[in-house]
Amino acid sequence: MADGGGMFLLVTPAGGKLWRLKYRVDGREKLLAIGPYPEISLSEARKRRDQARELLAQGQDPSREKQWAKLRGRLEAENTFKALASESCTERKRDGSKAWASATAKRCEYLLSLLDTSIGKMPVGAVEPADILAAIRKIETKGNLESARRPLQLASAVLRYAVATARLASDPTRDLRGALTAPTVTHYGAITDASRVGELLRAIDGYEGMGAAKIALQLAPHVFVRPSELRHAMWEEIDQEAVVWTA
């Protein structure tokens, strides 16, 4: 049943009704599937016919453009922020001499997971500065300002990775500098006079508290790690023959 402009309604032997558009590209006759009736109304079918004919006027093939649109949609569905974050972290963990240590990787993956409920399922190309800011604000309102700044830095790294792998045009977090509340810096007691370091070491040796605590205090000046890293050290991380601790 012809409608005009090359469009017609194809009625199948089973009773189905399908909108089709007949057109020519480079002298070859082609057929574009517009959709089923009544799901696609006559007015909507005519609108899609006109859009297809506009593409033809621009020298483009409507069928090919439809295939590309489906492919782009599938790629966008696969390239969610969460998927790109996982891929980016995997690359950082095996980045040669710059690879993340196990503890660093675990911490960064955890911080990125805080963004999952907000932007994790969004196609990376659809993420706007406002989406990221809203996600970070949720963390910030819980009171840990530093824990809000770090996910923003990691999110920016993920989006720059998306840019580098040609899945995003630019990093939207670049417009968020200064948008977060700066945390108040707390200064802790520290020895700034080198001549007093010896006093500290003698005080550690004279400590009479728990044995494990004393050993940890004696180790700390030699390894310069965070207290939590020292407390969670495992024997399997220590090569006694090589005298090396790999955290």
C-alpha atoms as a PDB file:
ATOM      1  CA  MET A   1       0.000   0.000   0.000  1.00  0.00           C
ATOM      2  CA  ALA A   2       1.884   3.045  -1.281  1.00  0.00           C
ATOM      3  CA  ASP A   3       1.891   6.303   0.695  1.00  0.00           C
ATOM      4  CA  GLY A   4       4.225   8.508  -1.332  1.00  0.00           C
ATOM      5  CA  GLY A   5       7.853   9.533  -1.584  1.00  0.00           C
ATOM      6  CA  GLY A   6       8.902   5.903  -1.963  1.00  0.00           C
ATOM      7  CA  MET A   7       7.270   4.785   1.316  1.00  0.00           C
ATOM      8  CA  PHE A   8       4.717   1.999   1.455  1.00  0.00           C
ATOM      9  CA  LEU A   9       3.045  -0.323   3.954  1.00  0.00           C
ATOM     10  CA  LEU A  10       3.935  -3.964   3.392  1.00  0.00           C
ATOM     11  CA  VAL A  11       1.204  -6.364   4.536  1.00  0.00           C
ATOM     12  CA  THR A  12       2.583  -9.854   5.120  1.00  0.00           C
ATOM     13  CA  PRO A  13       0.604 -13.101   4.594  1.00  0.00           C
ATOM     14  CA  ALA A  14       0.503 -13.494   8.394  1.00  0.00           C
ATOM     15  CA  GLY A  15      -1.185 -10.097   8.724  1.00  0.00           C
ATOM     16  CA  GLY A  16       1.810  -8.053   9.854  1.00  0.00           C
ATOM     17  CA  LYS A  17       2.064  -4.466   8.643  1.00  0.00           C
ATOM     18  CA  LEU A  18       5.534  -3.031   8.055  1.00  0.00           C
ATOM     19  CA  TRP A  19       6.576   0.426   6.884  1.00  0.00           C
ATOM     20  CA  ARG A  20       9.246   0.333   4.173  1.00  0.00           C
ATOM     21  CA  LEU A  21      11.017   3.006   2.144  1.00  0.00           C
ATOM     22  CA  LYS A  22      12.249   2.293  -1.383  1.00  0.00           C
ATOM     23  CA  TYR A  23      15.117   4.475  -2.606  1.00  0.00           C
ATOM     24  CA  ARG A  24      18.182   4.422  -4.850  1.00  0.00           C
ATOM     25  CA  VAL A  25      21.890   4.929  -4.042  1.00  0.00           C
ATOM     26  CA  ASP A  26      24.431   4.991  -6.872  1.00  0.00           C
ATOM     27  CA  GLY A  27      21.822   3.582  -9.244  1.00  0.00           C
ATOM     28  CA  ARG A  28      21.009   0.619  -6.987  1.00  0.00           C
ATOM     29  CA  GLU A  29      17.554   0.143  -5.508  1.00  0.00           C
ATOM     30  CA  LYS A  30      17.549  -0.325  -1.727  1.00  0.00           C
ATOM     31  CA  LEU A  31      14.936  -0.843   0.965  1.00  0.00           C
ATOM     32  CA  LEU A  32      14.874   0.805   4.414  1.00  0.00           C
ATOM     33  CA  ALA A  33      12.882  -0.781   7.249  1.00  0.00           C
ATOM     34  CA  ILE A  34      11.092   2.027   9.100  1.00  0.00           C
ATOM     35  CA  GLY A  35       9.158  -0.090  11.586  1.00  0.00           C
ATOM     36  CA  PRO A  36       5.880  -1.931  12.236  1.00  0.00           C
ATOM     37  CA  TYR A  37       2.382  -0.453  12.196  1.00  0.00           C
ATOM     38  CA  PRO A  38       0.603   0.511  14.467  1.00  0.00           C
ATOM     39  CA  GLU A  39       3.659   0.844  16.770  1.00  0.00           C
ATOM     40  CA  ILE A  40       4.931   3.371  14.226  1.00  0.00           C
ATOM     41  CA  SER A  41       2.032   5.620  13.296  1.00  0.00           C
ATOM     42  CA  LEU A  42       1.518   7.067   9.819  1.00  0.00           C
ATOM     43  CA  SER A  43       2.677  10.525  10.922  1.00  0.00           C
ATOM     44  CA  GLU A  44       5.806   9.091  12.598  1.00  0.00           C
ATOM     45  CA  ALA A  45       6.552   6.938   9.539  1.00  0.00           C
ATOM     46  CA  ARG A  46       6.298   9.986   7.283  1.00  0.00           C
ATOM     47  CA  LYS A  47       8.620  11.908   9.613  1.00  0.00           C
ATOM     48  CA  ARG A  48      11.218   9.110   9.416  1.00  0.00           C
ATOM     49  CA  ARG A  49      10.782   8.938   5.642  1.00  0.00           C
ATOM     50  CA  ASP A  50      11.509  12.658   5.367  1.00  0.00           C
ATOM     51  CA  GLN A  51      14.604  12.290   7.597  1.00  0.00           C
ATOM     52  CA  ALA A  52      15.858   9.467   5.382  1.00  0.00           C
ATOM     53  CA  ARG A  53      15.337  11.529   2.258  1.00  0.00           C
ATOM     54  CA  GLU A  54      17.266  14.416   3.848  1.00  0.00           C
ATOM     55  CA  LEU A  55      20.199  12.014   4.326  1.00  0.00           C
ATOM     56  CA  LEU A  56      19.916  11.003   0.680  1.00  0.00           C
ATOM     57  CA  ALA A  57      20.006  14.657  -0.354  1.00  0.00           C
ATOM     58  CA  GLN A  58      23.281  14.953   1.626  1.00  0.00           C
ATOM     59  CA  GLY A  59      24.737  11.961  -0.224  1.00  0.00           C
ATOM     60  CA  GLN A  60      24.326   9.530   2.671  1.00  0.00           C
ATOM     61  CA  ASP A  61      22.777   6.066   2.675  1.00  0.00           C
ATOM     62  CA  PRO A  62      19.901   5.875   5.239  1.00  0.00           C
ATOM     63  CA  SER A  63      20.332   2.104   5.715  1.00  0.00           C
ATOM     64  CA  ARG A  64      24.042   2.470   6.420  1.00  0.00           C
ATOM     65  CA  GLU A  65      23.414   5.371   8.788  1.00  0.00           C
ATOM     66  CA  LYS A  66      20.849   3.245  10.635  1.00  0.00           C
ATOM     67  CA  GLN A  67      23.411   0.436  11.010  1.00  0.00           C
ATOM     68  CA  TRP A  68      26.017   2.905  12.286  1.00  0.00           C
ATOM     69  CA  ALA A  69      23.504   4.291  14.798  1.00  0.00           C
ATOM     70  CA  LYS A  70      22.871   0.780  16.140  1.00  0.00           C
ATOM     71  CA  LEU A  71      26.603   0.152  16.395  1.00  0.00           C
ATOM     72  CA  ARG A  72      27.180   3.446  18.200  1.00  0.00           C
ATOM     73  CA  GLY A  73      24.344   2.619  20.590  1.00  0.00           C
ATOM     74  CA  ARG A  74      25.845  -0.789  21.355  1.00  0.00           C
ATOM     75  CA  LEU A  75      29.308   0.692  21.905  1.00  0.00           C
ATOM     76  CA  GLU A  76      27.897   3.356  24.212  1.00  0.00           C
ATOM     77  CA  ALA A  77      26.087   0.681  26.217  1.00  0.00           C
ATOM     78  CA  GLU A  78      29.364  -1.236  26.595  1.00  0.00           C
ATOM     79  CA  ASN A  79      31.454   1.873  27.366  1.00  0.00           C
ATOM     80  CA  THR A  80      29.840   2.766  30.682  1.00  0.00           C
ATOM     81  CA  PHE A  81      31.788   4.730  33.275  1.00  0.00           C
ATOM     82  CA  LYS A  82      32.031   1.613  35.468  1.00  0.00           C
ATOM     83  CA  ALA A  83      33.399  -0.496  32.585  1.00  0.00           C
ATOM     84  CA  LEU A  84      35.956   2.172  31.669  1.00  0.00           C
ATOM     85  CA  ALA A  85      36.957   2.573  35.327  1.00  0.00           C
ATOM     86  CA  SER A  86      37.628  -1.174  35.585  1.00  0.00           C
ATOM     87  CA  GLU A  87      39.598  -1.153  32.328  1.00  0.00           C
ATOM     88  CA  SER A  88      41.606   1.893  33.383  1.00  0.00           C
ATOM     89  CA  CYS A  89      42.468   0.335  36.768  1.00  0.00           C
ATOM     90  CA  THR A  90      43.579  -2.875  35.063  1.00  0.00           C
ATOM     91  CA  GLU A  91      45.931  -0.855  32.854  1.00  0.00           C
ATOM     92  CA  ARG A  92      47.337   1.031  35.856  1.00  0.00           C
ATOM     93  CA  LYS A  93      48.026  -2.223  37.734  1.00  0.00           C
ATOM     94  CA  ARG A  94      50.220  -3.507  34.907  1.00  0.00           C
ATOM     95  CA  ASP A  95      51.869  -0.253  33.853  1.00  0.00           C
ATOM     96  CA  GLY A  96      55.439  -1.494  34.156  1.00  0.00           C
ATOM     97  CA  SER A  97      57.582   0.470  36.597  1.00  0.00           C
ATOM     98  CA  LYS A  98      54.672   2.884  37.218  1.00  0.00           C
ATOM     99  CA  ALA A  99      52.223   0.105  38.142  1.00  0.00           C
ATOM    100  CA  TRP A 100      50.024   0.602  41.187  1.00  0.00           C
ATOM    101  CA  ALA A 101      50.985  -1.361  44.280  1.00  0.00           C
ATOM    102  CA  SER A 102      48.369  -3.845  45.481  1.00  0.00           C
ATOM    103  CA  ALA A 103      47.256  -1.627  48.376  1.00  0.00           C
ATOM    104  CA  THR A 104      47.016   1.442  46.119  1.00  0.00           C
ATOM    105  CA  ALA A 105      44.992  -0.451  43.504  1.00  0.00           C
ATOM    106  CA  LYS A 106      42.581  -1.753  46.149  1.00  0.00           C
ATOM    107  CA  ARG A 107      42.077   1.728  47.586  1.00  0.00           C
ATOM    108  CA  CYS A 108      41.547   3.373  44.183  1.00  0.00           C
ATOM    109  CA  GLU A 109      39.090   0.695  43.054  1.00  0.00           C
ATOM    110  CA  TYR A 110      37.131   1.179  46.270  1.00  0.00           C
ATOM    111  CA  LEU A 111      36.983   4.974  45.837  1.00  0.00           C
ATOM    112  CA  LEU A 112      35.797   4.614  42.235  1.00  0.00           C
ATOM    113  CA  SER A 113      33.121   2.152  43.358  1.00  0.00           C
ATOM    114  CA  LEU A 114      31.593   4.997  45.409  1.00  0.00           C
ATOM    115  CA  LEU A 115      30.514   6.528  42.081  1.00  0.00           C
ATOM    116  CA  ASP A 116      28.796   3.369  40.779  1.00  0.00           C
ATOM    117  CA  THR A 117      25.280   4.173  41.959  1.00  0.00           C
ATOM    118  CA  SER A 118      25.438   7.690  40.490  1.00  0.00           C
ATOM    119  CA  ILE A 119      27.254   7.420  37.151  1.00  0.00           C
ATOM    120  CA  GLY A 120      28.485   3.820  36.938  1.00  0.00           C
ATOM    121  CA  LYS A 121      25.866   2.700  34.411  1.00  0.00           C
ATOM    122  CA  MET A 122      26.000   5.861  32.302  1.00  0.00           C
ATOM    123  CA  PRO A 123      27.665   5.709  28.855  1.00  0.00           C
ATOM    124  CA  VAL A 124      30.935   7.569  29.285  1.00  0.00           C
ATOM    125  CA  GLY A 125      30.049   9.864  26.384  1.00  0.00           C
ATOM    126  CA  ALA A 126      26.876  10.967  28.176  1.00  0.00           C
ATOM    127  CA  VAL A 127      28.572  11.943  31.447  1.00  0.00           C
ATOM    128  CA  GLU A 128      28.317  15.694  32.041  1.00  0.00           C
ATOM    129  CA  PRO A 129      30.137  17.839  34.620  1.00  0.00           C
ATOM    130  CA  ALA A 130      26.867  18.166  36.574  1.00  0.00           C
ATOM    131  CA  ASP A 131      26.555  14.352  36.802  1.00  0.00           C
ATOM    132  CA  ILE A 132      30.060  14.010  38.242  1.00  0.00           C
ATOM    133  CA  LEU A 133      29.608  16.917  40.631  1.00  0.00           C
ATOM    134  CA  ALA A 134      26.333  15.460  41.946  1.00  0.00           C
ATOM    135  CA  ALA A 135      28.037  12.094  42.505  1.00  0.00           C
ATOM    136  CA  ILE A 136      30.952  13.709  44.350  1.00  0.00           C
ATOM    137  CA  ARG A 137      28.613  15.905  46.411  1.00  0.00           C
ATOM    138  CA  LYS A 138      26.994  12.750  47.831  1.00  0.00           C
ATOM    139  CA  ILE A 139      30.379  11.734  49.222  1.00  0.00           C
ATOM    140  CA  GLU A 140      31.204  15.275  50.331  1.00  0.00           C
ATOM    141  CA  THR A 141      27.961  15.662  52.334  1.00  0.00           C
ATOM    142  CA  LYS A 142      29.025  12.729  54.522  1.00  0.00           C
ATOM    143  CA  GLY A 143      31.731  15.020  55.901  1.00  0.00           C
ATOM    144  CA  ASN A 144      34.892  13.440  54.522  1.00  0.00           C
ATOM    145  CA  LEU A 145      36.123  16.196  52.249  1.00  0.00           C
ATOM    146  CA  GLU A 146      39.411  14.515  51.338  1.00  0.00           C
ATOM    147  CA  SER A 147      37.568  11.295  50.439  1.00  0.00           C
ATOM    148  CA  ALA A 148      35.457  13.366  48.032  1.00  0.00           C
ATOM    149  CA  ARG A 149      38.432  14.998  46.313  1.00  0.00           C
ATOM    150  CA  ARG A 150      40.207  11.702  45.624  1.00  0.00           C
ATOM    151  CA  PRO A 151      37.279  10.069  43.712  1.00  0.00           C
ATOM    152  CA  LEU A 152      37.088  13.226  41.596  1.00  0.00           C
ATOM    153  CA  GLN A 153      40.782  12.891  40.729  1.00  0.00           C
ATOM    154  CA  LEU A 154      40.312   9.210  39.897  1.00  0.00           C
ATOM    155  CA  ALA A 155      37.175   9.912  37.833  1.00  0.00           C
ATOM    156  CA  SER A 156      39.169  12.475  35.857  1.00  0.00           C
ATOM    157  CA  ALA A 157      41.888   9.865  35.249  1.00  0.00           C
ATOM    158  CA  VAL A 158      39.263   7.403  33.964  1.00  0.00           C
ATOM    159  CA  LEU A 159      37.779   9.996  31.622  1.00  0.00           C
ATOM    160  CA  ARG A 160      41.233  11.002  30.335  1.00  0.00           C
ATOM    161  CA  TYR A 161      41.817   7.309  29.654  1.00  0.00           C
ATOM    162  CA  ALA A 162      38.551   7.289  27.665  1.00  0.00           C
ATOM    163  CA  VAL A 163      39.825  10.285  25.670  1.00  0.00           C
ATOM    164  CA  ALA A 164      43.166   8.563  25.029  1.00  0.00           C
ATOM    165  CA  THR A 165      41.380   5.434  23.765  1.00  0.00           C
ATOM    166  CA  ALA A 166      39.133   7.459  21.412  1.00  0.00           C
ATOM    167  CA  ARG A 167      35.909   6.821  23.324  1.00  0.00           C
ATOM    168  CA  LEU A 168      35.409  10.374  24.550  1.00  0.00           C
ATOM    169  CA  ALA A 169      36.107  13.762  23.011  1.00  0.00           C
ATOM    170  CA  SER A 170      37.240  15.555  26.187  1.00  0.00           C
ATOM    171  CA  ASP A 171      37.368  15.217  29.971  1.00  0.00           C
ATOM    172  CA  PRO A 172      34.279  16.917  31.504  1.00  0.00           C
ATOM    173  CA  THR A 173      35.900  17.102  34.963  1.00  0.00           C
ATOM    174  CA  ARG A 174      38.234  19.843  33.741  1.00  0.00           C
ATOM    175  CA  ASP A 175      35.430  22.344  34.480  1.00  0.00           C
ATOM    176  CA  LEU A 176      35.062  21.216  38.101  1.00  0.00           C
ATOM    177  CA  ARG A 177      38.299  22.615  39.495  1.00  0.00           C
ATOM    178  CA  GLY A 178      37.551  24.518  42.667  1.00  0.00           C
ATOM    179  CA  ALA A 179      33.985  23.181  42.893  1.00  0.00           C
ATOM    180  CA  LEU A 180      34.631  21.149  46.051  1.00  0.00           C
ATOM    181  CA  THR A 181      35.107  22.456  49.568  1.00  0.00           C
ATOM    182  CA  ALA A 182      38.793  22.396  50.480  1.00  0.00           C
ATOM    183  CA  PRO A 183      39.461  20.292  53.585  1.00  0.00           C
ATOM    184  CA  THR A 184      40.994  21.951  56.641  1.00  0.00           C
ATOM    185  CA  VAL A 185      44.606  20.844  56.899  1.00  0.00           C
ATOM    186  CA  THR A 186      45.519  19.399  60.284  1.00  0.00           C
ATOM    187  CA  HIS A 187      49.184  19.550  61.196  1.00  0.00           C
ATOM    188  CA  TYR A 188      50.483  16.775  63.403  1.00  0.00           C
ATOM    189  CA  GLY A 189      53.496  16.838  65.667  1.00  0.00           C
ATOM    190  CA  ALA A 190      56.739  16.233  63.800  1.00  0.00           C
ATOM    191  CA  ILE A 191      60.454  16.529  64.394  1.00  0.00           C
ATOM    192  CA  THR A 192      61.851  19.295  62.209  1.00  0.00           C
ATOM    193  CA  ASP A 193      65.243  19.519  63.877  1.00  0.00           C
ATOM    194  CA  ALA A 194      67.527  16.725  62.588  1.00  0.00           C
ATOM    195  CA  SER A 195      69.502  16.692  65.855  1.00  0.00           C
ATOM    196  CA  ARG A 196      66.382  15.513  67.727  1.00  0.00           C
ATOM    197  CA  VAL A 197      65.880  12.369  65.611  1.00  0.00           C
ATOM    198  CA  GLY A 198      68.266  10.521  67.903  1.00  0.00           C
ATOM    199  CA  GLU A 199      66.056  11.391  70.900  1.00  0.00           C
ATOM    200  CA  LEU A 200      63.093   9.779  69.136  1.00  0.00           C
ATOM    201  CA  LEU A 201      65.030   6.600  68.314  1.00  0.00           C
ATOM    202  CA  ARG A 202      66.248   6.300  71.926  1.00  0.00           C
ATOM    203  CA  ALA A 203      62.692   6.848  73.171  1.00  0.00           C
ATOM    204  CA  ILE A 204      61.461   4.041  70.904  1.00  0.00           C
ATOM    205  CA  ASP A 205      64.162   1.680  72.175  1.00  0.00           C
ATOM    206  CA  GLY A 206      63.199   2.549  75.741  1.00  0.00           C
ATOM    207  CA  TYR A 207      59.481   1.896  75.121  1.00  0.00           C
ATOM    208  CA  GLU A 208      58.193  -0.760  77.558  1.00  0.00           C
ATOM    209  CA  GLY A 209      54.698  -1.328  76.195  1.00  0.00           C
ATOM    210  CA  MET A 210      53.411  -4.188  74.023  1.00  0.00           C
ATOM    211  CA  GLY A 211      56.144  -6.167  72.271  1.00  0.00           C
ATOM    212  CA  ALA A 212      54.482  -6.019  68.826  1.00  0.00           C
ATOM    213  CA  ALA A 213      53.999  -2.257  69.177  1.00  0.00           C
ATOM    214  CA  LYS A 214      57.657  -1.777  70.066  1.00  0.00           C
ATOM    215  CA  ILE A 215      58.801  -3.836  67.048  1.00  0.00           C
ATOM    216  CA  ALA A 216      56.504  -1.787  64.803  1.00  0.00           C
ATOM    217  CA  LEU A 217      57.941   1.449  66.202  1.00  0.00           C
ATOM    218  CA  GLN A 218      61.485   0.206  65.629  1.00  0.00           C
ATOM    219  CA  LEU A 219      60.671  -0.787  62.047  1.00  0.00           C
ATOM    220  CA  ALA A 220      58.886   2.441  61.139  1.00  0.00           C
ATOM    221  CA  PRO A 221      61.995   4.674  60.804  1.00  0.00           C
ATOM    222  CA  HIS A 222      63.541   2.164  58.393  1.00  0.00           C
ATOM    223  CA  VAL A 223      60.614   1.614  56.007  1.00  0.00           C
ATOM    224  CA  PHE A 224      58.711   4.952  56.019  1.00  0.00           C
ATOM    225  CA  VAL A 225      55.267   3.498  55.319  1.00  0.00           C
ATOM    226  CA  ARG A 226      51.862   4.459  56.673  1.00  0.00           C
ATOM    227  CA  PRO A 227      50.995   2.969  60.079  1.00  0.00           C
ATOM    228  CA  SER A 228      48.118   0.996  58.509  1.00  0.00           C
ATOM    229  CA  GLU A 229      50.457  -0.520  55.898  1.00  0.00           C
ATOM    230  CA  LEU A 230      52.889  -1.556  58.624  1.00  0.00           C
ATOM    231  CA  ARG A 231      50.127  -3.039  60.772  1.00  0.00           C
ATOM    232  CA  HIS A 232      48.688  -5.072  57.877  1.00  0.00           C
ATOM    233  CA  ALA A 233      52.044  -6.395  56.618  1.00  0.00           C
ATOM    234  CA  MET A 234      51.989 -10.145  55.849  1.00  0.00           C
ATOM    235  CA  TRP A 235      54.866 -12.583  56.199  1.00  0.00           C
ATOM    236  CA  GLU A 236      54.460 -13.674  52.569  1.00  0.00           C
ATOM    237  CA  GLU A 237      55.301 -10.105  51.510  1.00  0.00           C
ATOM    238  CA  ILE A 238      58.759 -10.360  53.113  1.00  0.00           C
ATOM    239  CA  ASP A 239      61.736 -11.982  51.377  1.00  0.00           C
ATOM    240  CA  GLN A 240      64.147 -12.554  54.270  1.00  0.00           C
ATOM    241  CA  GLU A 241      66.970 -13.785  52.060  1.00  0.00           C
ATOM    242  CA  ALA A 242      66.878 -10.693  49.837  1.00  0.00           C
ATOM    243  CA  VAL A 243      65.977  -8.506  52.829  1.00  0.00           C
ATOM    244  CA  VAL A 244      63.102  -6.972  50.819  1.00  0.00           C
ATOM    245  CA  TRP A 245      59.531  -6.186  51.829  1.00  0.00           C
ATOM    246  CA  THR A 246      57.134  -5.885  48.861  1.00  0.00           C
ATOM    247  CA  ALA A 247      53.938  -4.280  50.116  1.00  0.00           C
END
